Amino acid sequence: MNKRLLTAAAILLAFIAFAVIGTRDSSTLPPDSLASHLQAEYDYYINDMQLDRFEPGAQHSHSLKATRVTHFPEAELSLLEEPRMTWYDAEQSPWHLDAQQGEMTPLAAGDGDLDGDLIVLSGNVLARTLGADGAELRISTQSLDVVPTSKSAHTALLVRIEDANMHMLGTGMDLDMTSKRIRLLSDVSARHEAPEKR
């Protein structure tokens, strides 16, 4: 009986000691611990963000929407959740770009000496516009580097281009949204379907 009591007391003391040590350790974590580091990584976030940019003369240049934007000051990086971008042009139909996520960083020196940001869209990226005939043109890929100030975009990945009568595949693409010029860089294949006669 005494042996059982001593065993139970030893187990109870071990449990109390473990609880005290665990509590002490968690309350005396250094300020640069992983938890505090993760909390300090970003300095602000914005929910349901919409940014509109205008050119001289009050012409609407482009808009950027995201369900959430989280800014990380040390990396000079903003993470975008569900970004949606629109480029406007008085002479033609706008471009619409959608993706699952994105990263926005300042353009590095040497990137054409442009004053602005680089936005990298990723995850089911879709670019849409209307052609001269009014038919929708769709471009899909998994990653797209967008430079808002030059209204240009680039990817090194597989690209699919489709409209009502044409399907193209290629690896790598340069896109000029002002002229609607699209250049596939390699491994290009195409299929054209004649429109149905009425």
Protein backbone atom coordinates (compact mmCIF):
# COMPACT_ATOMS: atom_id res chain seq x y z
CA MET A 1 0.00 0.00 0.00
CA ASN A 2 2.80 2.40 0.89
CA LYS A 3 4.61 1.48 -2.29
CA ARG A 4 1.51 2.34 -4.35
CA LEU A 5 1.13 5.63 -2.51
CA LEU A 6 4.78 6.53 -3.11
CA THR A 7 4.44 5.68 -6.81
CA ALA A 8 1.32 7.84 -7.15
CA ALA A 9 3.02 10.71 -5.30
CA ALA A 10 6.08 10.46 -7.58
CA ILE A 11 3.89 10.57 -10.68
CA LEU A 12 1.97 13.57 -9.31
CA LEU A 13 5.21 15.45 -8.49
CA ALA A 14 6.60 14.71 -11.95
CA PHE A 15 3.39 16.03 -13.53
CA ILE A 16 3.48 19.23 -11.43
CA ALA A 17 7.18 19.79 -12.20
CA PHE A 18 6.54 19.34 -15.94
CA ALA A 19 3.62 21.77 -15.84
CA VAL A 20 5.62 24.41 -13.95
CA ILE A 21 8.65 24.11 -16.22
CA GLY A 22 6.47 24.21 -19.33
CA THR A 23 4.63 27.31 -18.12
CA ARG A 24 7.86 29.04 -17.15
CA ASP A 25 9.47 28.26 -20.49
CA SER A 26 6.53 29.53 -22.54
CA SER A 27 6.29 32.77 -20.56
CA THR A 28 9.99 33.59 -20.77
CA LEU A 29 10.51 33.17 -24.52
CA PRO A 30 13.01 35.72 -25.86
CA PRO A 31 11.56 38.57 -27.90
CA ASP A 32 13.14 37.21 -31.08
CA SER A 33 11.38 33.87 -30.74
CA LEU A 34 9.67 32.34 -33.76
CA ALA A 35 6.19 33.36 -32.59
CA SER A 36 7.05 37.02 -32.06
CA HIS A 37 9.06 37.05 -35.29
CA LEU A 38 6.07 35.85 -37.26
CA GLN A 39 3.86 38.47 -35.63
CA ALA A 40 6.37 41.23 -36.42
CA GLU A 41 6.96 40.25 -40.06
CA TYR A 42 4.18 42.41 -41.47
CA ASP A 43 3.34 45.95 -40.41
CA TYR A 44 -0.16 46.26 -41.85
CA TYR A 45 -2.83 44.55 -43.89
CA ILE A 46 -5.84 45.80 -45.82
CA ASN A 47 -9.05 43.87 -46.43
CA ASP A 48 -11.07 44.42 -49.63
CA MET A 49 -8.51 46.79 -51.12
CA GLN A 50 -9.13 48.77 -54.31
CA LEU A 51 -6.45 50.99 -55.85
CA ASP A 52 -7.17 53.23 -58.85
CA ARG A 53 -4.39 54.98 -60.75
CA PHE A 54 -4.88 57.89 -63.14
CA GLU A 55 -2.64 59.29 -65.86
CA PRO A 56 -2.10 63.01 -66.47
CA GLY A 57 -5.36 64.50 -67.68
CA ALA A 58 -7.38 62.35 -65.26
CA GLN A 59 -7.50 59.39 -67.64
CA HIS A 60 -8.10 56.14 -65.76
CA SER A 61 -4.94 54.03 -66.17
CA HIS A 62 -5.61 50.86 -64.19
CA SER A 63 -7.19 49.45 -61.06
CA LEU A 64 -6.04 46.76 -58.64
CA LYS A 65 -8.38 44.93 -56.28
CA ALA A 66 -7.59 42.22 -53.72
CA THR A 67 -9.53 40.55 -50.94
CA ARG A 68 -6.51 41.13 -48.68
CA VAL A 69 -3.12 42.84 -48.96
CA THR A 70 -0.42 42.09 -46.37
CA HIS A 71 2.70 44.29 -46.33
CA PHE A 72 6.13 43.04 -45.20
CA PRO A 73 8.44 46.08 -44.75
CA GLU A 74 11.80 44.30 -44.46
CA ALA A 75 11.31 42.51 -47.77
CA GLU A 76 9.53 45.49 -49.39
CA LEU A 77 6.86 43.00 -50.39
CA SER A 78 3.07 43.03 -50.42
CA LEU A 79 1.16 39.75 -50.69
CA LEU A 80 -2.12 39.94 -52.60
CA GLU A 81 -4.97 37.49 -52.12
CA GLU A 82 -7.29 37.01 -55.11
CA PRO A 83 -5.90 39.99 -57.06
CA ARG A 84 -8.00 41.40 -59.91
CA MET A 85 -6.49 43.99 -62.24
CA THR A 86 -8.04 46.08 -65.02
CA TRP A 87 -6.21 48.20 -67.61
CA TYR A 88 -8.18 50.93 -69.34
CA ASP A 89 -7.61 52.46 -72.77
CA ALA A 90 -9.75 55.11 -74.41
CA GLU A 91 -9.16 53.57 -77.85
CA GLN A 92 -9.93 49.91 -77.13
CA SER A 93 -11.47 47.38 -74.77
CA PRO A 94 -9.88 47.02 -71.32
CA TRP A 95 -7.75 44.11 -70.15
CA HIS A 96 -8.84 42.10 -67.09
CA LEU A 97 -6.34 39.97 -65.14
CA ASP A 98 -7.30 37.57 -62.33
CA ALA A 99 -5.26 35.18 -60.19
CA GLN A 100 -5.34 33.27 -56.92
CA GLN A 101 -2.49 35.29 -55.39
CA GLY A 102 0.16 37.85 -56.18
CA GLU A 103 3.30 39.58 -54.92
CA MET A 104 3.99 43.29 -55.39
CA THR A 105 7.53 44.66 -55.07
CA PRO A 106 9.27 47.87 -56.21
CA LEU A 107 10.95 47.57 -59.58
CA ALA A 108 14.67 46.93 -59.15
CA ALA A 109 17.21 49.32 -60.61
CA GLY A 110 17.96 48.28 -64.14
CA ASP A 111 14.42 47.12 -64.94
CA GLY A 112 14.10 49.71 -67.68
CA ASP A 113 14.50 52.53 -65.14
CA LEU A 114 10.76 52.48 -64.62
CA ASP A 115 9.17 54.18 -61.65
CA GLY A 116 6.68 51.71 -60.24
CA ASP A 117 6.04 48.18 -59.09
CA LEU A 118 6.41 44.65 -60.35
CA ILE A 119 3.34 42.49 -59.70
CA VAL A 120 3.81 38.73 -59.98
CA LEU A 121 0.46 36.98 -60.37
CA SER A 122 0.33 33.24 -59.70
CA GLY A 123 -2.19 30.43 -59.56
CA ASN A 124 -4.70 30.08 -62.42
CA VAL A 125 -3.79 33.41 -63.99
CA LEU A 126 -6.34 34.56 -66.57
CA ALA A 127 -6.06 37.61 -68.84
CA ARG A 128 -9.12 38.65 -70.87
CA THR A 129 -9.95 41.32 -73.42
CA LEU A 130 -12.17 41.82 -76.47
CA GLY A 131 -10.73 41.67 -79.96
CA ALA A 132 -11.56 44.02 -82.82
CA ASP A 133 -14.40 41.69 -83.82
CA GLY A 134 -15.89 41.81 -80.33
CA ALA A 135 -14.94 38.21 -79.50
CA GLU A 136 -13.31 37.51 -76.15
CA LEU A 137 -9.62 36.64 -76.11
CA ARG A 138 -8.44 34.57 -73.13
CA ILE A 139 -4.85 33.96 -72.02
CA SER A 140 -4.19 31.48 -69.20
CA THR A 141 -0.97 30.51 -67.41
CA GLN A 142 0.24 29.75 -63.90
CA SER A 143 2.48 32.81 -63.36
CA LEU A 144 2.63 36.25 -64.95
CA ASP A 145 5.01 39.15 -64.24
CA VAL A 146 3.12 42.43 -64.74
CA VAL A 147 4.65 45.93 -64.98
CA PRO A 148 1.77 48.40 -64.57
CA THR A 149 3.68 51.49 -65.70
CA SER A 150 4.45 49.99 -69.11
CA LYS A 151 1.23 47.95 -69.37
CA SER A 152 3.31 44.90 -70.19
CA ALA A 153 3.50 41.33 -68.90
CA HIS A 154 5.82 38.34 -69.26
CA THR A 155 5.95 34.68 -68.33
CA ALA A 156 8.40 31.84 -68.95
CA LEU A 157 5.76 29.16 -68.33
CA LEU A 158 3.23 27.35 -70.51
CA VAL A 159 0.61 29.68 -71.99
CA ARG A 160 -2.77 28.92 -73.55
CA ILE A 161 -4.43 31.51 -75.82
CA GLU A 162 -8.01 31.05 -76.97
CA ASP A 163 -10.77 32.89 -78.75
CA ALA A 164 -13.90 31.70 -80.52
CA ASN A 165 -12.00 30.16 -83.45
CA MET A 166 -8.36 29.77 -82.38
CA HIS A 167 -6.42 27.76 -79.79
CA MET A 168 -2.68 28.29 -79.26
CA LEU A 169 -0.14 26.80 -76.86
CA GLY A 170 3.38 28.01 -76.23
CA THR A 171 6.13 28.28 -73.65
CA GLY A 172 6.93 31.82 -72.56
CA MET A 173 5.09 34.98 -73.58
CA ASP A 174 5.55 38.72 -73.91
CA LEU A 175 2.36 40.78 -73.77
CA ASP A 176 1.89 44.46 -74.59
CA MET A 177 -1.56 45.45 -73.37
CA THR A 178 -1.51 48.83 -75.14
CA SER A 179 -1.02 47.42 -78.64
CA LYS A 180 -2.56 44.02 -77.76
CA ARG A 181 0.59 42.43 -79.16
CA ILE A 182 1.16 38.88 -77.92
CA ARG A 183 4.38 36.99 -78.65
CA LEU A 184 4.81 33.33 -77.73
CA LEU A 185 8.49 32.52 -77.27
CA SER A 186 8.88 28.79 -78.01
CA ASP A 187 7.17 25.42 -78.57
CA VAL A 188 4.23 27.07 -80.30
CA SER A 189 1.32 25.02 -81.60
CA ALA A 190 -1.96 26.35 -82.98
CA ARG A 191 -5.33 25.14 -84.14
CA HIS A 192 -7.83 27.24 -86.06
CA GLU A 193 -11.49 26.40 -86.33
CA ALA A 194 -13.55 27.98 -89.08
CA PRO A 195 -16.62 29.80 -87.76
CA GLU A 196 -19.89 27.99 -88.25
CA LYS A 197 -21.92 29.14 -91.23
CA ARG A 198 -25.34 30.47 -90.43
